[in-house]
Amino acid sequence: SSSRGPRITAMATPALALQCRTVAQRLRRGHTVCGTAWDEDTEEAAQHVARYAAWSKGHPSAAVGMEKASKMLKKASAALKLIQDKICELQRSVQNVEASNVAKAEDLFGRGPEKDLQQCELTQLSQQLADAAAKSMEMTSELPGSTVWVQLPDPVATAQQLEECAEALEQGDHHLEHLNAALVAFERRLEATKVWEETAESPRKRCRVRGPEEPKVSFGLQNESEGWSRTRQGIKGLSHKSKLDVAVQILNDTFHVFDFLVKQLARLFEELTCLECDVSCFHAQLFAAAEIQAEVMAWKLMLLEATEPQGLGEFLESVLAVGDQLDASLWALQKKRQALVEDLKAAIEIRSAKDANVVTCRA
């Protein structure tokens, strides 16, 4: 198990974001747009009065309102920096795990929650949080400690900065919660991998830990790929001097290999559709394969009649093209299915870790 210390949390972040939005709303409600004044002095005075009214709304004076906004921005800046540090710490936690242990867990469970802690997007998020924190601190320097003989800052601009801080806090807190849960799920996988390794040498222990061994389902992809490879070599080896019975056997093998490839594709189509994946672009390949199978049977019958039909070479070139496309699509869809299933498993594990954290916090 991990020994990196207590779990990272940011429990006060949602409340702080709500406070930022509340202060921003009060500033916007208190601000009134001034009309066009007759001269510059009158316009400046009207603007000062409008800004004073906005800053003093809900407070004894405008100075108190600016002081509260300044403190709120400083708190938000500190919280954003804290979230940024915690995200970096979470990434280091995964980076410190030995690559061999990560590989073992992926071999047993597939690629899992740790991928969320290795994404380059986290660097971008971390930079956004840092920028928001810097802007907040810059804004505090524009808020004077007194309203006597000073030009009051624009309350709308301050409100906008507070709202941006609130959004950054909420986004950072959401990502932090997800990454914490992802790390928990990843650590559970590492622990399960360790237990599995300890029991792998003993079938009886392995049975108690994991249950009876189930036959591995390979979807027939490897064998059938080899079948197409052999059939492909046979087709390429045909010539006008080949015996008719050899050509008939190769056409017969081609029909059966195409039949198997089409069935595997159809099954993957059904599974990927259940996983809400669009596979409509592959449908044309099924129709092309069906046409090839029908033509294979026609050529086979002609050869059985001991005739030497014209155009067999051109037809076999079409068979090779469609067969290669089917084989490549099969592997591509298998990888897509595997990735979707792994993402689904990781999402379930992360959700479980989040729920467990909520229960622990309430307890």
Protein backbone atom coordinates (compact mmCIF):
# COMPACT_ATOMS: atom_id res chain seq x y z
CA SER A 1 0.00 0.00 0.00
CA SER A 2 1.02 3.62 -0.40
CA SER A 3 2.82 5.47 2.40
CA ARG A 4 2.56 8.99 1.03
CA GLY A 5 0.50 10.37 3.93
CA PRO A 6 -3.09 11.53 4.37
CA ARG A 7 -5.41 11.89 1.40
CA ILE A 8 -5.41 15.30 -0.26
CA THR A 9 -8.69 17.18 0.05
CA ALA A 10 -10.01 20.70 -0.58
CA MET A 11 -13.21 20.67 1.46
CA ALA A 12 -13.40 24.48 1.86
CA THR A 13 -13.13 25.22 -1.87
CA PRO A 14 -16.87 25.00 -2.78
CA ALA A 15 -17.79 27.30 0.10
CA LEU A 16 -15.10 29.80 -0.88
CA ALA A 17 -16.30 29.78 -4.51
CA LEU A 18 -19.85 30.47 -3.30
CA GLN A 19 -18.64 33.38 -1.18
CA CYS A 20 -16.81 34.86 -4.19
CA ARG A 21 -19.98 34.68 -6.27
CA THR A 22 -22.05 36.23 -3.46
CA VAL A 23 -19.71 39.23 -3.15
CA ALA A 24 -19.65 39.61 -6.95
CA GLN A 25 -23.47 39.60 -7.13
CA ARG A 26 -23.68 42.24 -4.40
CA LEU A 27 -21.26 44.50 -6.29
CA ARG A 28 -23.20 44.11 -9.54
CA ARG A 29 -26.55 44.82 -7.85
CA GLY A 30 -25.17 47.90 -6.12
CA HIS A 31 -23.65 49.36 -9.27
CA THR A 32 -25.75 51.83 -11.24
CA VAL A 33 -24.90 53.19 -14.69
CA CYS A 34 -24.47 56.94 -14.73
CA GLY A 35 -26.07 59.05 -17.42
CA THR A 36 -24.26 61.61 -19.58
CA ALA A 37 -23.14 64.60 -17.52
CA TRP A 38 -22.91 68.22 -18.67
CA ASP A 39 -19.23 68.53 -17.86
CA GLU A 40 -16.27 66.35 -16.90
CA ASP A 41 -16.29 67.28 -13.22
CA THR A 42 -19.96 66.40 -12.86
CA GLU A 43 -19.45 63.07 -14.66
CA GLU A 44 -16.49 62.19 -12.42
CA ALA A 45 -18.50 63.01 -9.33
CA ALA A 46 -21.43 60.90 -10.52
CA GLN A 47 -19.13 57.98 -11.21
CA HIS A 48 -17.60 58.29 -7.74
CA VAL A 49 -21.05 58.27 -6.15
CA ALA A 50 -22.12 55.22 -8.17
CA ARG A 51 -18.98 53.30 -7.25
CA TYR A 52 -19.25 54.30 -3.61
CA ALA A 53 -22.83 53.01 -3.56
CA ALA A 54 -21.76 49.68 -5.03
CA TRP A 55 -18.86 49.17 -2.62
CA SER A 56 -20.90 50.18 0.42
CA LYS A 57 -23.94 48.00 -0.43
CA GLY A 58 -24.45 45.61 2.48
CA HIS A 59 -21.56 47.18 4.45
CA PRO A 60 -21.14 50.11 6.85
CA SER A 61 -18.95 51.89 4.31
CA ALA A 62 -17.27 51.50 0.92
CA ALA A 63 -13.92 50.91 2.64
CA VAL A 64 -15.35 47.87 4.45
CA GLY A 65 -16.73 46.52 1.16
CA MET A 66 -13.36 46.88 -0.59
CA GLU A 67 -11.57 45.30 2.36
CA LYS A 68 -13.89 42.28 2.22
CA ALA A 69 -13.42 41.90 -1.54
CA SER A 70 -9.65 42.17 -1.12
CA LYS A 71 -9.61 39.47 1.54
CA MET A 72 -11.81 37.26 -0.61
CA LEU A 73 -9.46 37.60 -3.58
CA LYS A 74 -6.45 36.80 -1.41
CA LYS A 75 -8.17 33.69 -0.03
CA ALA A 76 -9.09 32.61 -3.54
CA SER A 77 -5.53 33.13 -4.72
CA ALA A 78 -4.16 31.03 -1.87
CA ALA A 79 -6.75 28.29 -2.48
CA LEU A 80 -5.94 28.18 -6.21
CA LYS A 81 -2.23 27.83 -5.48
CA LEU A 82 -3.01 25.06 -3.00
CA ILE A 83 -5.07 23.15 -5.57
CA GLN A 84 -2.25 23.57 -8.09
CA ASP A 85 0.26 22.15 -5.60
CA LYS A 86 -2.02 19.22 -4.79
CA ILE A 87 -2.47 18.32 -8.46
CA CYS A 88 1.33 18.31 -8.89
CA GLU A 89 1.65 16.12 -5.79
CA LEU A 90 -0.87 13.64 -7.16
CA GLN A 91 1.04 13.40 -10.41
CA ARG A 92 4.29 12.79 -8.53
CA SER A 93 2.59 10.01 -6.57
CA VAL A 94 1.99 8.09 -9.80
CA GLN A 95 5.37 8.96 -11.30
CA ASN A 96 7.10 7.54 -8.21
CA VAL A 97 5.50 4.12 -8.74
CA GLU A 98 7.91 1.73 -10.43
CA ALA A 99 7.15 1.30 -14.12
CA SER A 100 7.29 -2.49 -13.74
CA ASN A 101 4.47 -2.41 -11.16
CA VAL A 102 2.36 -0.21 -13.44
CA ALA A 103 2.97 -2.62 -16.33
CA LYS A 104 1.95 -5.61 -14.19
CA ALA A 105 -1.29 -3.90 -13.18
CA GLU A 106 -2.07 -3.04 -16.81
CA ASP A 107 -1.37 -6.64 -17.88
CA LEU A 108 -3.85 -7.91 -15.28
CA PHE A 109 -6.57 -5.23 -15.45
CA GLY A 110 -5.85 -3.24 -18.62
CA ARG A 111 -5.00 0.44 -18.80
CA GLY A 112 -6.71 2.08 -15.87
CA PRO A 113 -7.23 5.18 -13.70
CA GLU A 114 -3.56 6.16 -13.66
CA LYS A 115 -3.88 7.54 -17.21
CA ASP A 116 -5.92 10.47 -15.82
CA LEU A 117 -2.93 11.41 -13.66
CA GLN A 118 -0.51 11.37 -16.58
CA GLN A 119 -2.39 13.55 -19.04
CA CYS A 120 -0.66 16.63 -20.41
CA GLU A 121 -3.98 18.48 -19.96
CA LEU A 122 -3.21 18.61 -16.23
CA THR A 123 -0.25 20.86 -16.98
CA GLN A 124 -2.58 23.23 -18.81
CA LEU A 125 -5.08 23.14 -15.93
CA SER A 126 -2.32 23.83 -13.45
CA GLN A 127 -1.22 26.84 -15.50
CA GLN A 128 -4.80 28.16 -15.65
CA LEU A 129 -5.06 27.94 -11.87
CA ALA A 130 -1.75 29.76 -11.50
CA ASP A 131 -2.89 32.52 -13.86
CA ALA A 132 -6.16 32.95 -11.96
CA ALA A 133 -4.28 33.17 -8.68
CA ALA A 134 -1.90 35.79 -10.09
CA LYS A 135 -4.79 37.91 -11.41
CA SER A 136 -6.49 37.75 -8.01
CA MET A 137 -3.41 39.02 -6.22
CA GLU A 138 -2.96 41.73 -8.85
CA MET A 139 -6.54 42.86 -8.31
CA THR A 140 -6.04 43.17 -4.54
CA SER A 141 -3.30 45.73 -5.13
CA GLU A 142 -5.83 47.91 -6.95
CA LEU A 143 -8.20 48.02 -3.96
CA PRO A 144 -7.21 50.89 -1.65
CA GLY A 145 -7.47 50.59 2.09
CA SER A 146 -9.32 53.91 2.35
CA THR A 147 -11.90 55.80 0.29
CA VAL A 148 -10.71 59.26 1.30
CA TRP A 149 -9.49 61.36 -1.65
CA VAL A 150 -8.90 58.36 -3.90
CA GLN A 151 -10.48 57.22 -7.15
CA LEU A 152 -12.55 54.19 -6.27
CA PRO A 153 -11.85 51.02 -8.33
CA ASP A 154 -14.42 49.71 -10.78
CA PRO A 155 -16.75 47.36 -8.83
CA VAL A 156 -17.83 45.59 -12.05
CA ALA A 157 -14.23 44.66 -12.91
CA THR A 158 -13.74 43.37 -9.36
CA ALA A 159 -17.00 41.40 -9.60
CA GLN A 160 -15.83 39.83 -12.86
CA GLN A 161 -12.53 38.79 -11.26
CA LEU A 162 -14.37 37.28 -8.31
CA GLU A 163 -16.58 35.28 -10.67
CA GLU A 164 -13.54 34.06 -12.61
CA CYS A 165 -11.96 33.00 -9.33
CA ALA A 166 -15.12 31.12 -8.36
CA GLU A 167 -15.16 29.29 -11.71
CA ALA A 168 -11.47 28.39 -11.41
CA LEU A 169 -11.99 27.16 -7.84
CA GLU A 170 -14.94 24.98 -8.87
CA GLN A 171 -13.09 23.56 -11.87
CA GLY A 172 -9.94 22.89 -9.84
CA ASP A 173 -11.91 21.29 -7.01
CA HIS A 174 -13.79 19.06 -9.47
CA HIS A 175 -10.56 17.87 -11.09
CA LEU A 176 -8.90 17.40 -7.70
CA GLU A 177 -11.76 15.21 -6.48
CA HIS A 178 -11.58 13.13 -9.66
CA LEU A 179 -7.79 12.76 -9.47
CA ASN A 180 -7.91 11.80 -5.79
CA ALA A 181 -10.42 9.08 -6.62
CA ALA A 182 -8.34 7.97 -9.61
CA LEU A 183 -5.30 7.59 -7.36
CA VAL A 184 -7.33 5.53 -4.87
CA ALA A 185 -8.54 3.26 -7.68
CA PHE A 186 -4.98 2.94 -9.01
CA GLU A 187 -3.63 2.02 -5.57
CA ARG A 188 -6.35 -0.61 -5.23
CA ARG A 189 -5.24 -2.10 -8.53
CA LEU A 190 -1.62 -2.16 -7.40
CA GLU A 191 -2.65 -3.88 -4.16
CA ALA A 192 -4.76 -6.42 -6.05
CA THR A 193 -1.86 -7.07 -8.43
CA LYS A 194 0.45 -7.69 -5.47
CA VAL A 195 -2.01 -10.17 -3.95
CA TRP A 196 -2.42 -11.90 -7.30
CA GLU A 197 1.36 -12.28 -7.69
CA GLU A 198 1.64 -13.76 -4.22
CA THR A 199 -0.99 -16.39 -5.03
CA ALA A 200 -0.11 -17.01 -8.68
CA GLU A 201 2.21 -19.91 -7.90
CA SER A 202 -0.52 -21.82 -6.06
CA PRO A 203 -3.67 -22.73 -8.06
CA ARG A 204 -5.58 -23.45 -4.84
CA LYS A 205 -4.75 -20.04 -3.37
CA ARG A 206 -5.50 -18.38 -6.69
CA CYS A 207 -8.88 -20.07 -6.77
CA ARG A 208 -9.72 -18.71 -3.31
CA VAL A 209 -8.63 -15.19 -4.28
CA ARG A 210 -10.10 -14.94 -7.75
CA GLY A 211 -12.40 -17.93 -8.08
CA PRO A 212 -12.16 -20.74 -10.61
CA GLU A 213 -10.19 -20.06 -13.77
CA GLU A 214 -12.33 -19.11 -16.73
CA PRO A 215 -11.27 -19.74 -20.31
CA LYS A 216 -9.89 -16.63 -21.95
CA VAL A 217 -12.02 -15.18 -24.72
CA SER A 218 -9.89 -14.04 -27.64
CA PHE A 219 -12.77 -13.45 -30.09
CA GLY A 220 -10.87 -15.71 -32.51
CA LEU A 221 -8.96 -12.68 -33.78
CA GLN A 222 -5.45 -14.07 -33.62
CA ASN A 223 -6.30 -17.45 -35.20
CA GLU A 224 -8.44 -15.87 -37.86
CA SER A 225 -5.77 -13.31 -38.70
CA GLU A 226 -3.38 -16.21 -39.19
CA GLY A 227 -6.06 -17.94 -41.30
CA TRP A 228 -6.38 -14.92 -43.56
CA SER A 229 -2.59 -14.66 -43.77
CA ARG A 230 -2.32 -18.26 -44.97
CA THR A 231 -5.21 -17.83 -47.40
CA ARG A 232 -3.66 -14.63 -48.69
CA GLN A 233 -0.38 -16.41 -49.38
CA GLY A 234 -2.29 -19.14 -51.23
CA ILE A 235 -4.08 -16.56 -53.40
CA LYS A 236 -0.82 -14.76 -54.19
CA GLY A 237 0.75 -18.10 -55.12
CA LEU A 238 -1.91 -18.99 -57.66
CA SER A 239 -1.01 -18.75 -61.33
CA HIS A 240 -2.52 -19.79 -64.63
CA LYS A 241 -0.44 -22.97 -64.37
CA SER A 242 -1.94 -24.00 -61.00
CA LYS A 243 -4.08 -27.10 -60.92
CA LEU A 244 -7.83 -26.60 -60.81
CA ASP A 245 -8.23 -28.56 -57.57
CA VAL A 246 -5.68 -26.29 -55.87
CA ALA A 247 -7.56 -23.19 -57.01
CA VAL A 248 -10.87 -24.70 -55.82
CA GLN A 249 -9.39 -25.43 -52.37
CA ILE A 250 -8.05 -21.89 -52.06
CA LEU A 251 -11.42 -20.43 -53.04
CA ASN A 252 -13.08 -22.71 -50.52
CA ASP A 253 -10.70 -21.52 -47.77
CA THR A 254 -11.32 -17.91 -48.83
CA PHE A 255 -15.08 -18.34 -48.44
CA HIS A 256 -14.77 -19.77 -44.92
CA VAL A 257 -12.21 -17.19 -43.79
CA PHE A 258 -14.43 -14.35 -45.07
CA ASP A 259 -17.39 -15.93 -43.31
CA PHE A 260 -15.51 -15.97 -40.02
CA LEU A 261 -14.19 -12.43 -40.43
CA VAL A 262 -17.68 -11.12 -41.17
CA LYS A 263 -19.14 -12.88 -38.11
CA GLN A 264 -16.41 -11.42 -35.89
CA LEU A 265 -17.02 -7.94 -37.31
CA ALA A 266 -20.76 -8.27 -36.78
CA ARG A 267 -20.24 -9.28 -33.16
CA LEU A 268 -17.87 -6.37 -32.56
CA PHE A 269 -20.39 -4.02 -34.22
CA GLU A 270 -23.05 -5.17 -31.77
CA GLU A 271 -20.80 -4.79 -28.72
CA LEU A 272 -19.50 -1.38 -29.77
CA THR A 273 -23.04 -0.18 -30.46
CA CYS A 274 -23.95 -1.17 -26.89
CA LEU A 275 -20.96 0.91 -25.77
CA GLU A 276 -22.40 3.87 -27.71
CA CYS A 277 -19.67 3.82 -30.37
CA ASP A 278 -20.50 4.77 -33.96
CA VAL A 279 -19.40 1.99 -36.34
CA SER A 280 -21.56 2.96 -39.31
CA CYS A 281 -18.48 3.75 -41.41
CA PHE A 282 -17.58 0.05 -41.39
CA HIS A 283 -20.94 -1.21 -42.69
CA ALA A 284 -19.86 -0.93 -46.34
CA GLN A 285 -17.14 -3.50 -45.68
CA LEU A 286 -19.72 -6.10 -44.65
CA PHE A 287 -21.60 -5.60 -47.94
CA ALA A 288 -18.36 -5.83 -49.90
CA ALA A 289 -17.44 -9.05 -48.09
CA ALA A 290 -20.88 -10.54 -48.81
CA GLU A 291 -20.48 -9.75 -52.52
CA ILE A 292 -17.02 -11.35 -52.57
CA GLN A 293 -18.38 -14.51 -50.91
CA ALA A 294 -21.13 -14.80 -53.53
CA GLU A 295 -18.61 -14.38 -56.34
CA VAL A 296 -16.23 -16.88 -54.73
CA MET A 297 -18.96 -19.50 -54.87
CA ALA A 298 -19.63 -18.70 -58.53
CA TRP A 299 -15.95 -19.02 -59.47
CA LYS A 300 -15.70 -22.24 -57.46
CA LEU A 301 -18.60 -23.79 -59.39
CA MET A 302 -17.03 -22.84 -62.73
CA LEU A 303 -13.73 -24.40 -61.72
CA LEU A 304 -15.47 -27.57 -60.56
CA GLU A 305 -16.90 -27.84 -64.06
CA ALA A 306 -13.27 -28.07 -65.26
CA THR A 307 -13.49 -24.85 -67.20
CA GLU A 308 -10.82 -22.18 -67.34
CA PRO A 309 -12.74 -18.92 -66.88
CA GLN A 310 -11.28 -15.59 -67.91
CA GLY A 311 -10.76 -12.81 -65.35
CA LEU A 312 -9.94 -14.96 -62.32
CA GLY A 313 -6.75 -12.99 -61.67
CA GLU A 314 -8.59 -9.68 -61.51
CA PHE A 315 -11.18 -11.14 -59.18
CA LEU A 316 -8.48 -12.49 -56.83
CA GLU A 317 -6.95 -9.00 -56.65
CA SER A 318 -10.35 -7.74 -55.41
CA VAL A 319 -10.44 -10.59 -52.87
CA LEU A 320 -7.04 -9.54 -51.53
CA ALA A 321 -8.06 -5.90 -51.25
CA VAL A 322 -11.32 -6.61 -49.40
CA GLY A 323 -9.72 -9.28 -47.21
CA ASP A 324 -6.90 -6.96 -46.13
CA GLN A 325 -9.44 -4.27 -45.31
CA LEU A 326 -11.56 -6.67 -43.24
CA ASP A 327 -8.54 -7.93 -41.34
CA ALA A 328 -7.30 -4.40 -40.58
CA SER A 329 -10.79 -3.24 -39.52
CA LEU A 330 -11.14 -6.22 -37.23
CA TRP A 331 -7.99 -5.35 -35.34
CA ALA A 332 -8.87 -1.65 -35.22
CA LEU A 333 -12.32 -2.39 -33.78
CA GLN A 334 -10.90 -4.84 -31.27
CA LYS A 335 -8.53 -2.14 -29.98
CA LYS A 336 -11.39 0.37 -29.87
CA ARG A 337 -13.55 -2.08 -27.91
CA GLN A 338 -10.70 -2.80 -25.50
CA ALA A 339 -10.10 0.91 -24.92
CA LEU A 340 -13.82 1.58 -24.30
CA VAL A 341 -14.11 -1.33 -21.87
CA GLU A 342 -11.01 -0.21 -19.98
CA ASP A 343 -12.33 3.35 -19.76
CA LEU A 344 -15.65 2.02 -18.49
CA LYS A 345 -13.96 -0.13 -15.84
CA ALA A 346 -11.76 2.77 -14.74
CA ALA A 347 -14.80 5.09 -14.51
CA ILE A 348 -16.60 2.56 -12.31
CA GLU A 349 -13.58 2.19 -10.02
CA ILE A 350 -13.14 5.97 -9.77
CA ARG A 351 -16.85 6.40 -8.99
CA SER A 352 -16.54 3.76 -6.26
CA ALA A 353 -13.56 5.58 -4.76
CA LYS A 354 -15.48 8.89 -4.78
CA ASP A 355 -18.49 7.27 -3.08
CA ALA A 356 -16.24 5.70 -0.45
CA ASN A 357 -14.64 9.09 0.23
CA VAL A 358 -18.08 10.72 0.65
CA VAL A 359 -19.12 8.03 3.15
CA THR A 360 -15.85 8.48 5.09
CA CYS A 361 -16.30 12.26 5.23
CA ARG A 362 -19.88 11.94 6.50
CA ALA A 363 -18.84 9.42 9.13
